[in-house]
Amino acid sequence: LFIGVPALTFLAIQGKQNGAILPVLCLAIEFAYFQATPRPKQVWIFAGLFCVLPVLGVLAVLWLHPMALMSMYGEYDFTPYERVLSQGRALASYLGQFLIPHTPSMGLATDDFDPSRGLLTPPTTLASILLLAGLSFAAIVARRQMPSVFAGWFVFLAGHAVEASF
């Protein structure tokens, strides 16, 4: 756990940045399927070292040296805040594609979302965020009865975490 996951995460990041979410995926599986018995303290130490601590580190860098991670945003017509706001609409759109596929809007390059400038600009921004929060709450409530729904939902969210950030 403490050697394999970090080593494989490091190797995954060398191939693609999305490899950074491997510890989070491990936690989603842990919380979904291994809930019946009390978990050893090593699981909580792992979560702290490989999930919480890196997030706190990134937040500290953003606080102390924001341009270290955000310098590339000069090329775009949106801010990091607007990008994160827009991701709620993008994820809601992806969910809609699961329910009602629309072939013309599917493909490799589906990043043509207009940026959200605020919670109500456009109004679908807040609606999308509330939808995602509601589905997350429902997945947490249903975790014991439907662990695969919990795992699938949080793997979906974690899978977009790198794409939705800086």
N, C-alpha and C. Protein backbone atom coordinates (compact mmCIF):
# COMPACT_ATOMS: atom_id res chain seq x y z
N LEU A 1 0.83 -1.20 0.00
CA LEU A 1 0.00 0.00 0.00
C LEU A 1 0.87 1.26 0.00
N PHE A 2 1.87 1.27 0.85
CA PHE A 2 2.69 2.48 0.99
C PHE A 2 3.85 2.53 0.00
N ILE A 3 4.13 1.44 -0.68
CA ILE A 3 5.19 1.42 -1.69
C ILE A 3 4.59 1.33 -3.09
N GLY A 4 3.70 0.38 -3.26
CA GLY A 4 3.13 0.13 -4.59
C GLY A 4 2.31 1.28 -5.14
N VAL A 5 1.39 1.81 -4.35
CA VAL A 5 0.53 2.89 -4.85
C VAL A 5 1.33 4.15 -5.18
N PRO A 6 2.22 4.62 -4.29
CA PRO A 6 3.02 5.80 -4.67
C PRO A 6 3.90 5.54 -5.90
N ALA A 7 4.52 4.37 -5.97
CA ALA A 7 5.39 4.06 -7.12
C ALA A 7 4.58 4.02 -8.41
N LEU A 8 3.44 3.36 -8.36
CA LEU A 8 2.60 3.28 -9.56
C LEU A 8 1.99 4.64 -9.91
N THR A 9 1.69 5.43 -8.90
CA THR A 9 1.18 6.79 -9.15
C THR A 9 2.26 7.62 -9.85
N PHE A 10 3.48 7.53 -9.37
CA PHE A 10 4.58 8.26 -10.00
C PHE A 10 4.73 7.83 -11.45
N LEU A 11 4.73 6.53 -11.70
CA LEU A 11 4.86 6.03 -13.08
C LEU A 11 3.67 6.47 -13.94
N ALA A 12 2.47 6.45 -13.38
CA ALA A 12 1.29 6.87 -14.13
C ALA A 12 1.38 8.34 -14.52
N ILE A 13 1.86 9.18 -13.61
CA ILE A 13 1.99 10.61 -13.89
C ILE A 13 2.99 10.84 -15.02
N GLN A 14 4.00 9.97 -15.14
CA GLN A 14 4.98 10.12 -16.21
C GLN A 14 4.32 9.94 -17.58
N GLY A 15 3.25 9.15 -17.63
CA GLY A 15 2.53 8.95 -18.88
C GLY A 15 1.48 10.01 -19.14
N LYS A 16 0.75 10.37 -18.09
CA LYS A 16 -0.31 11.37 -18.23
C LYS A 16 -0.62 11.93 -16.85
N GLN A 17 -0.93 13.23 -16.80
CA GLN A 17 -1.20 13.89 -15.51
C GLN A 17 -2.35 13.25 -14.75
N ASN A 18 -3.28 12.65 -15.46
CA ASN A 18 -4.43 12.02 -14.79
C ASN A 18 -4.01 10.90 -13.84
N GLY A 19 -2.77 10.40 -13.99
CA GLY A 19 -2.28 9.38 -13.08
C GLY A 19 -2.23 9.85 -11.64
N ALA A 20 -2.25 11.16 -11.44
CA ALA A 20 -2.19 11.71 -10.09
C ALA A 20 -3.40 11.34 -9.25
N ILE A 21 -4.48 10.91 -9.88
CA ILE A 21 -5.69 10.60 -9.11
C ILE A 21 -5.72 9.17 -8.58
N LEU A 22 -4.69 8.38 -8.87
CA LEU A 22 -4.69 6.98 -8.43
C LEU A 22 -4.98 6.82 -6.93
N PRO A 23 -4.34 7.58 -6.02
CA PRO A 23 -4.69 7.41 -4.60
C PRO A 23 -6.16 7.72 -4.30
N VAL A 24 -6.72 8.70 -4.99
CA VAL A 24 -8.14 9.03 -4.78
C VAL A 24 -9.03 7.89 -5.28
N LEU A 25 -8.66 7.29 -6.39
CA LEU A 25 -9.42 6.14 -6.89
C LEU A 25 -9.35 4.98 -5.89
N CYS A 26 -8.18 4.78 -5.30
CA CYS A 26 -8.04 3.74 -4.27
C CYS A 26 -8.98 4.01 -3.10
N LEU A 27 -9.07 5.27 -2.69
CA LEU A 27 -9.97 5.61 -1.57
C LEU A 27 -11.44 5.42 -1.95
N ALA A 28 -11.80 5.75 -3.17
CA ALA A 28 -13.19 5.55 -3.60
C ALA A 28 -13.55 4.07 -3.51
N ILE A 29 -12.66 3.21 -3.95
CA ILE A 29 -12.89 1.76 -3.88
C ILE A 29 -12.91 1.30 -2.43
N GLU A 30 -11.98 1.81 -1.64
CA GLU A 30 -11.92 1.47 -0.21
C GLU A 30 -13.24 1.80 0.48
N PHE A 31 -13.71 3.03 0.30
CA PHE A 31 -14.93 3.46 0.97
C PHE A 31 -16.18 2.78 0.42
N ALA A 32 -16.13 2.34 -0.83
CA ALA A 32 -17.28 1.68 -1.42
C ALA A 32 -17.41 0.23 -0.96
N TYR A 33 -16.32 -0.51 -1.02
CA TYR A 33 -16.42 -1.96 -0.86
C TYR A 33 -15.88 -2.52 0.46
N PHE A 34 -15.12 -1.76 1.19
CA PHE A 34 -14.51 -2.29 2.40
C PHE A 34 -15.01 -1.54 3.62
N GLN A 35 -16.32 -1.51 3.76
CA GLN A 35 -16.94 -0.74 4.81
C GLN A 35 -17.49 -1.60 5.94
N ALA A 36 -17.61 -2.90 5.72
CA ALA A 36 -18.26 -3.76 6.70
C ALA A 36 -17.43 -3.94 7.96
N THR A 37 -16.13 -3.94 7.83
CA THR A 37 -15.28 -4.15 9.00
C THR A 37 -14.54 -2.86 9.32
N PRO A 38 -14.19 -2.68 10.58
CA PRO A 38 -13.38 -1.50 10.91
C PRO A 38 -12.07 -1.56 10.12
N ARG A 39 -11.70 -0.45 9.54
CA ARG A 39 -10.49 -0.39 8.72
C ARG A 39 -9.27 -0.15 9.59
N PRO A 40 -8.18 -0.79 9.24
CA PRO A 40 -6.95 -0.56 10.02
C PRO A 40 -6.49 0.88 9.90
N LYS A 41 -5.76 1.32 10.90
CA LYS A 41 -5.31 2.71 10.91
C LYS A 41 -4.40 3.02 9.74
N GLN A 42 -3.78 2.00 9.14
CA GLN A 42 -2.92 2.22 7.98
C GLN A 42 -3.70 2.83 6.82
N VAL A 43 -4.97 2.47 6.69
CA VAL A 43 -5.81 3.03 5.61
C VAL A 43 -5.97 4.53 5.81
N TRP A 44 -6.18 4.93 7.06
CA TRP A 44 -6.36 6.36 7.36
C TRP A 44 -5.04 7.11 7.20
N ILE A 45 -3.95 6.48 7.58
CA ILE A 45 -2.64 7.10 7.38
C ILE A 45 -2.37 7.27 5.89
N PHE A 46 -2.68 6.24 5.10
CA PHE A 46 -2.53 6.31 3.65
C PHE A 46 -3.34 7.47 3.09
N ALA A 47 -4.60 7.58 3.51
CA ALA A 47 -5.47 8.66 3.02
C ALA A 47 -4.87 10.02 3.36
N GLY A 48 -4.36 10.16 4.55
CA GLY A 48 -3.77 11.43 4.94
C GLY A 48 -2.51 11.76 4.17
N LEU A 49 -1.63 10.77 4.02
CA LEU A 49 -0.35 11.00 3.35
C LEU A 49 -0.48 11.20 1.84
N PHE A 50 -1.34 10.42 1.21
CA PHE A 50 -1.37 10.40 -0.24
C PHE A 50 -2.58 11.09 -0.86
N CYS A 51 -3.51 11.55 -0.05
CA CYS A 51 -4.66 12.29 -0.60
C CYS A 51 -4.77 13.67 0.04
N VAL A 52 -4.87 13.72 1.35
CA VAL A 52 -5.06 15.00 2.04
C VAL A 52 -3.80 15.85 1.97
N LEU A 53 -2.66 15.28 2.29
CA LEU A 53 -1.42 16.05 2.31
C LEU A 53 -1.08 16.65 0.94
N PRO A 54 -1.18 15.90 -0.16
CA PRO A 54 -0.92 16.52 -1.47
C PRO A 54 -1.89 17.66 -1.80
N VAL A 55 -3.14 17.50 -1.45
CA VAL A 55 -4.11 18.58 -1.70
C VAL A 55 -3.74 19.82 -0.89
N LEU A 56 -3.38 19.62 0.36
CA LEU A 56 -2.96 20.75 1.19
C LEU A 56 -1.69 21.39 0.62
N GLY A 57 -0.78 20.58 0.10
CA GLY A 57 0.43 21.11 -0.52
C GLY A 57 0.13 21.97 -1.74
N VAL A 58 -0.76 21.51 -2.58
CA VAL A 58 -1.14 22.29 -3.76
C VAL A 58 -1.83 23.58 -3.34
N LEU A 59 -2.70 23.50 -2.35
CA LEU A 59 -3.37 24.71 -1.86
C LEU A 59 -2.36 25.70 -1.27
N ALA A 60 -1.36 25.18 -0.58
CA ALA A 60 -0.32 26.06 -0.03
C ALA A 60 0.46 26.75 -1.14
N VAL A 61 0.80 26.01 -2.20
CA VAL A 61 1.51 26.61 -3.33
C VAL A 61 0.63 27.67 -3.99
N LEU A 62 -0.66 27.36 -4.15
CA LEU A 62 -1.58 28.33 -4.75
C LEU A 62 -1.69 29.59 -3.89
N TRP A 63 -1.66 29.43 -2.58
CA TRP A 63 -1.77 30.56 -1.67
C TRP A 63 -0.51 31.41 -1.67
N LEU A 64 0.64 30.74 -1.60
CA LEU A 64 1.92 31.44 -1.47
C LEU A 64 2.49 31.93 -2.81
N HIS A 65 2.31 31.13 -3.85
CA HIS A 65 2.87 31.45 -5.17
C HIS A 65 1.85 31.11 -6.25
N PRO A 66 0.77 31.85 -6.34
CA PRO A 66 -0.30 31.47 -7.27
C PRO A 66 0.14 31.36 -8.72
N MET A 67 1.08 32.17 -9.14
CA MET A 67 1.49 32.14 -10.54
C MET A 67 2.32 30.90 -10.88
N ALA A 68 2.83 30.20 -9.88
CA ALA A 68 3.60 28.98 -10.15
C ALA A 68 2.76 27.93 -10.86
N LEU A 69 1.50 27.88 -10.54
CA LEU A 69 0.60 26.91 -11.16
C LEU A 69 -0.37 27.54 -12.15
N MET A 70 -0.50 28.85 -12.13
CA MET A 70 -1.53 29.49 -12.93
C MET A 70 -1.00 30.36 -14.06
N SER A 71 0.30 30.36 -14.27
CA SER A 71 0.87 31.27 -15.27
C SER A 71 0.33 31.03 -16.67
N MET A 72 -0.09 29.81 -16.97
CA MET A 72 -0.58 29.51 -18.31
C MET A 72 -1.95 30.13 -18.60
N TYR A 73 -2.63 30.64 -17.60
CA TYR A 73 -3.97 31.18 -17.84
C TYR A 73 -3.97 32.50 -18.60
N GLY A 74 -2.82 33.09 -18.81
CA GLY A 74 -2.75 34.30 -19.62
C GLY A 74 -3.15 34.04 -21.06
N GLU A 75 -3.07 32.79 -21.49
CA GLU A 75 -3.41 32.41 -22.86
C GLU A 75 -4.92 32.26 -23.09
N TYR A 76 -5.69 32.17 -22.03
CA TYR A 76 -7.11 31.85 -22.15
C TYR A 76 -7.98 33.07 -21.89
N ASP A 77 -9.22 32.96 -22.32
CA ASP A 77 -10.16 34.05 -22.08
C ASP A 77 -11.03 33.79 -20.85
N PHE A 78 -10.52 32.95 -19.94
CA PHE A 78 -11.22 32.67 -18.69
C PHE A 78 -10.20 32.51 -17.59
N THR A 79 -10.67 32.70 -16.36
CA THR A 79 -9.81 32.57 -15.18
C THR A 79 -9.91 31.15 -14.63
N PRO A 80 -9.02 30.77 -13.73
CA PRO A 80 -9.13 29.44 -13.10
C PRO A 80 -10.48 29.27 -12.39
N TYR A 81 -10.95 30.31 -11.73
CA TYR A 81 -12.25 30.26 -11.06
C TYR A 81 -13.37 29.99 -12.07
N GLU A 82 -13.33 30.67 -13.20
CA GLU A 82 -14.34 30.47 -14.23
C GLU A 82 -14.25 29.06 -14.82
N ARG A 83 -13.03 28.54 -14.91
CA ARG A 83 -12.88 27.18 -15.42
C ARG A 83 -13.53 26.17 -14.48
N VAL A 84 -13.27 26.32 -13.19
CA VAL A 84 -13.86 25.40 -12.23
C VAL A 84 -15.39 25.52 -12.25
N LEU A 85 -15.90 26.74 -12.32
CA LEU A 85 -17.35 26.92 -12.42
C LEU A 85 -17.91 26.24 -13.65
N SER A 86 -17.21 26.36 -14.76
CA SER A 86 -17.67 25.79 -16.03
C SER A 86 -17.66 24.27 -16.01
N GLN A 87 -16.80 23.68 -15.20
CA GLN A 87 -16.72 22.22 -15.16
C GLN A 87 -18.01 21.58 -14.66
N GLY A 88 -18.73 22.26 -13.78
CA GLY A 88 -20.01 21.73 -13.33
C GLY A 88 -20.96 21.53 -14.51
N ARG A 89 -20.99 22.51 -15.39
CA ARG A 89 -21.85 22.40 -16.58
C ARG A 89 -21.35 21.31 -17.51
N ALA A 90 -20.03 21.18 -17.64
CA ALA A 90 -19.47 20.14 -18.50
C ALA A 90 -19.83 18.75 -17.96
N LEU A 91 -19.67 18.55 -16.65
CA LEU A 91 -19.99 17.24 -16.07
C LEU A 91 -21.47 16.93 -16.18
N ALA A 92 -22.32 17.93 -15.98
CA ALA A 92 -23.76 17.72 -16.16
C ALA A 92 -24.07 17.35 -17.61
N SER A 93 -23.37 17.96 -18.54
CA SER A 93 -23.55 17.63 -19.94
C SER A 93 -23.14 16.19 -20.22
N TYR A 94 -22.02 15.76 -19.63
CA TYR A 94 -21.59 14.37 -19.82
C TYR A 94 -22.62 13.40 -19.26
N LEU A 95 -23.20 13.73 -18.12
CA LEU A 95 -24.24 12.88 -17.55
C LEU A 95 -25.44 12.81 -18.49
N GLY A 96 -25.79 13.95 -19.07
CA GLY A 96 -26.88 13.96 -20.05
C GLY A 96 -26.57 13.07 -21.23
N GLN A 97 -25.31 13.02 -21.66
CA GLN A 97 -24.93 12.15 -22.77
C GLN A 97 -25.07 10.68 -22.40
N PHE A 98 -24.87 10.34 -21.12
CA PHE A 98 -25.10 8.96 -20.69
C PHE A 98 -26.57 8.59 -20.82
N LEU A 99 -27.44 9.52 -20.44
CA LEU A 99 -28.88 9.25 -20.45
C LEU A 99 -29.49 9.34 -21.84
N ILE A 100 -29.13 10.38 -22.57
CA ILE A 100 -29.67 10.60 -23.92
C ILE A 100 -28.49 10.93 -24.84
N PRO A 101 -27.89 9.92 -25.43
CA PRO A 101 -26.75 10.18 -26.31
C PRO A 101 -27.13 11.08 -27.49
N HIS A 102 -26.26 12.03 -27.79
CA HIS A 102 -26.44 12.95 -28.91
C HIS A 102 -25.15 12.92 -29.70
N THR A 103 -25.11 12.12 -30.74
CA THR A 103 -23.89 11.84 -31.49
C THR A 103 -23.13 13.08 -31.94
N PRO A 104 -23.78 14.13 -32.48
CA PRO A 104 -23.00 15.28 -32.94
C PRO A 104 -22.18 15.98 -31.84
N SER A 105 -22.61 15.88 -30.61
CA SER A 105 -21.86 16.55 -29.54
C SER A 105 -20.91 15.61 -28.81
N MET A 106 -20.74 14.40 -29.35
CA MET A 106 -19.80 13.45 -28.75
C MET A 106 -18.53 13.42 -29.60
N GLY A 107 -17.44 13.08 -28.99
CA GLY A 107 -16.19 12.97 -29.72
C GLY A 107 -15.00 13.28 -28.84
N LEU A 108 -13.84 13.34 -29.46
CA LEU A 108 -12.62 13.58 -28.70
C LEU A 108 -12.47 15.03 -28.26
N ALA A 109 -12.95 15.96 -29.06
CA ALA A 109 -12.79 17.38 -28.74
C ALA A 109 -14.16 17.97 -28.41
N THR A 110 -14.54 17.86 -27.14
CA THR A 110 -15.84 18.41 -26.71
C THR A 110 -15.60 19.47 -25.65
N ASP A 111 -14.65 20.34 -25.90
CA ASP A 111 -14.30 21.36 -24.92
C ASP A 111 -14.74 22.75 -25.36
N ASP A 112 -15.85 22.81 -26.04
CA ASP A 112 -16.32 24.10 -26.56
C ASP A 112 -17.39 24.74 -25.68
N PHE A 113 -17.29 24.54 -24.37
CA PHE A 113 -18.23 25.14 -23.45
C PHE A 113 -17.87 26.61 -23.27
N ASP A 114 -18.87 27.46 -23.30
CA ASP A 114 -18.62 28.86 -22.96
C ASP A 114 -18.33 28.93 -21.47
N PRO A 115 -17.37 29.73 -21.07
CA PRO A 115 -17.03 29.80 -19.64
C PRO A 115 -18.17 30.38 -18.80
N SER A 116 -18.32 29.83 -17.62
CA SER A 116 -19.24 30.41 -16.65
C SER A 116 -18.53 31.59 -16.02
N ARG A 117 -19.17 32.74 -16.00
CA ARG A 117 -18.55 33.95 -15.44
C ARG A 117 -18.94 34.16 -13.98
N GLY A 118 -19.96 33.45 -13.54
CA GLY A 118 -20.43 33.53 -12.16
C GLY A 118 -21.41 32.40 -11.92
N LEU A 119 -21.89 32.26 -10.70
CA LEU A 119 -22.82 31.18 -10.38
C LEU A 119 -24.12 31.25 -11.18
N LEU A 120 -24.51 32.45 -11.59
CA LEU A 120 -25.75 32.61 -12.33
C LEU A 120 -25.52 33.08 -13.77
N THR A 121 -24.29 33.02 -14.22
CA THR A 121 -23.98 33.46 -15.58
C THR A 121 -23.22 32.35 -16.30
N PRO A 122 -23.88 31.48 -17.01
CA PRO A 122 -25.32 31.35 -17.20
C PRO A 122 -25.98 30.65 -16.00
N PRO A 123 -27.30 30.71 -15.93
CA PRO A 123 -28.02 30.12 -14.80
C PRO A 123 -27.80 28.61 -14.65
N THR A 124 -27.45 27.95 -15.74
CA THR A 124 -27.21 26.51 -15.65
C THR A 124 -25.98 26.17 -14.82
N THR A 125 -25.14 27.15 -14.53
CA THR A 125 -23.96 26.91 -13.70
C THR A 125 -24.38 26.46 -12.30
N LEU A 126 -25.20 27.24 -11.65
CA LEU A 126 -25.65 26.89 -10.30
C LEU A 126 -26.47 25.61 -10.32
N ALA A 127 -27.33 25.46 -11.32
CA ALA A 127 -28.16 24.25 -11.42
C ALA A 127 -27.27 23.01 -11.56
N SER A 128 -26.22 23.11 -12.35
CA SER A 128 -25.31 21.98 -12.54
C SER A 128 -24.57 21.64 -11.27
N ILE A 129 -24.10 22.65 -10.56
CA ILE A 129 -23.38 22.42 -9.30
C ILE A 129 -24.31 21.78 -8.27
N LEU A 130 -25.54 22.25 -8.20
CA LEU A 130 -26.51 21.65 -7.27
C LEU A 130 -26.83 20.22 -7.66
N LEU A 131 -26.94 19.94 -8.96
CA LEU A 131 -27.18 18.58 -9.42
C LEU A 131 -26.03 17.67 -9.00
N LEU A 132 -24.80 18.09 -9.24
CA LEU A 132 -23.64 17.28 -8.88
C LEU A 132 -23.55 17.06 -7.37
N ALA A 133 -23.83 18.11 -6.59
CA ALA A 133 -23.82 17.99 -5.13
C ALA A 133 -24.92 17.03 -4.67
N GLY A 134 -26.09 17.14 -5.26
CA GLY A 134 -27.20 16.25 -4.91
C GLY A 134 -26.90 14.80 -5.24
N LEU A 135 -26.31 14.56 -6.42
CA LEU A 135 -25.96 13.19 -6.79
C LEU A 135 -24.84 12.64 -5.89
N SER A 136 -23.93 13.50 -5.48
CA SER A 136 -22.87 13.08 -4.56
C SER A 136 -23.46 12.70 -3.21
N PHE A 137 -24.38 13.52 -2.72
CA PHE A 137 -25.05 13.23 -1.46
C PHE A 137 -25.83 11.91 -1.56
N ALA A 138 -26.55 11.71 -2.66
CA ALA A 138 -27.31 10.47 -2.85
C ALA A 138 -26.39 9.26 -2.90
N ALA A 139 -25.23 9.39 -3.56
CA ALA A 139 -24.29 8.27 -3.63
C ALA A 139 -23.74 7.94 -2.24
N ILE A 140 -23.50 8.97 -1.44
CA ILE A 140 -23.00 8.74 -0.08
C ILE A 140 -24.07 8.05 0.76
N VAL A 141 -25.30 8.50 0.65
CA VAL A 141 -26.40 7.89 1.41
C VAL A 141 -26.62 6.44 0.98
N ALA A 142 -26.46 6.15 -0.31
CA ALA A 142 -26.71 4.80 -0.84
C ALA A 142 -25.49 3.89 -0.76
N ARG A 143 -24.41 4.36 -0.19
CA ARG A 143 -23.15 3.62 -0.21
C ARG A 143 -23.27 2.20 0.33
N ARG A 144 -23.92 2.00 1.43
CA ARG A 144 -24.00 0.66 2.03
C ARG A 144 -24.87 -0.28 1.19
N GLN A 145 -25.96 0.20 0.64
CA GLN A 145 -26.84 -0.65 -0.15
C GLN A 145 -26.35 -0.83 -1.58
N MET A 146 -25.70 0.18 -2.13
CA MET A 146 -25.25 0.14 -3.52
C MET A 146 -23.81 0.65 -3.64
N PRO A 147 -22.86 -0.15 -3.17
CA PRO A 147 -21.48 0.32 -3.18
C PRO A 147 -20.94 0.61 -4.58
N SER A 148 -21.43 -0.09 -5.58
CA SER A 148 -20.94 0.16 -6.94
C SER A 148 -21.41 1.51 -7.47
N VAL A 149 -22.58 1.96 -7.03
CA VAL A 149 -23.04 3.30 -7.42
C VAL A 149 -22.12 4.34 -6.79
N PHE A 150 -21.82 4.16 -5.51
CA PHE A 150 -20.89 5.06 -4.82
C PHE A 150 -19.54 5.07 -5.53
N ALA A 151 -18.97 3.89 -5.77
CA ALA A 151 -17.65 3.80 -6.40
C ALA A 151 -17.68 4.42 -7.80
N GLY A 152 -18.68 4.08 -8.58
CA GLY A 152 -18.78 4.60 -9.94
C GLY A 152 -18.89 6.11 -9.97
N TRP A 153 -19.70 6.66 -9.08
CA TRP A 153 -19.89 8.11 -9.06
C TRP A 153 -18.60 8.83 -8.69
N PHE A 154 -17.94 8.36 -7.64
CA PHE A 154 -16.74 9.07 -7.21
C PHE A 154 -15.53 8.79 -8.12
N VAL A 155 -15.51 7.66 -8.80
CA VAL A 155 -14.50 7.44 -9.83
C VAL A 155 -14.74 8.41 -10.99
N PHE A 156 -16.01 8.60 -11.36
CA PHE A 156 -16.36 9.57 -12.41
C PHE A 156 -15.88 10.97 -12.03
N LEU A 157 -16.18 11.40 -10.80
CA LEU A 157 -15.75 12.74 -10.37
C LEU A 157 -14.23 12.84 -10.28
N ALA A 158 -13.59 11.84 -9.70
CA ALA A 158 -12.13 11.87 -9.58
C ALA A 158 -11.48 11.87 -10.96
N GLY A 159 -12.07 11.13 -11.88
CA GLY A 159 -11.53 11.06 -13.22
C GLY A 159 -11.51 12.40 -13.94
N HIS A 160 -12.38 13.28 -13.52
CA HIS A 160 -12.43 14.61 -14.13
C HIS A 160 -11.71 15.66 -13.31
N ALA A 161 -11.20 15.28 -12.16
CA ALA A 161 -10.57 16.27 -11.27
C ALA A 161 -9.36 16.95 -11.91
N VAL A 162 -8.53 16.20 -12.59
CA VAL A 162 -7.35 16.80 -13.21
C VAL A 162 -7.78 17.66 -14.39
N GLU A 163 -8.72 17.18 -15.17
CA GLU A 163 -9.19 17.94 -16.32
C GLU A 163 -9.89 19.23 -15.90
N ALA A 164 -10.47 19.22 -14.70
CA ALA A 164 -11.26 20.36 -14.25
C ALA A 164 -10.46 21.36 -13.44
N SER A 165 -9.17 21.11 -13.29
CA SER A 165 -8.38 22.02 -12.47
C SER A 165 -7.32 22.71 -13.32
N PHE A 166 -6.35 23.32 -12.65
CA PHE A 166 -5.32 24.04 -13.37
C PHE A 166 -4.39 23.09 -14.09
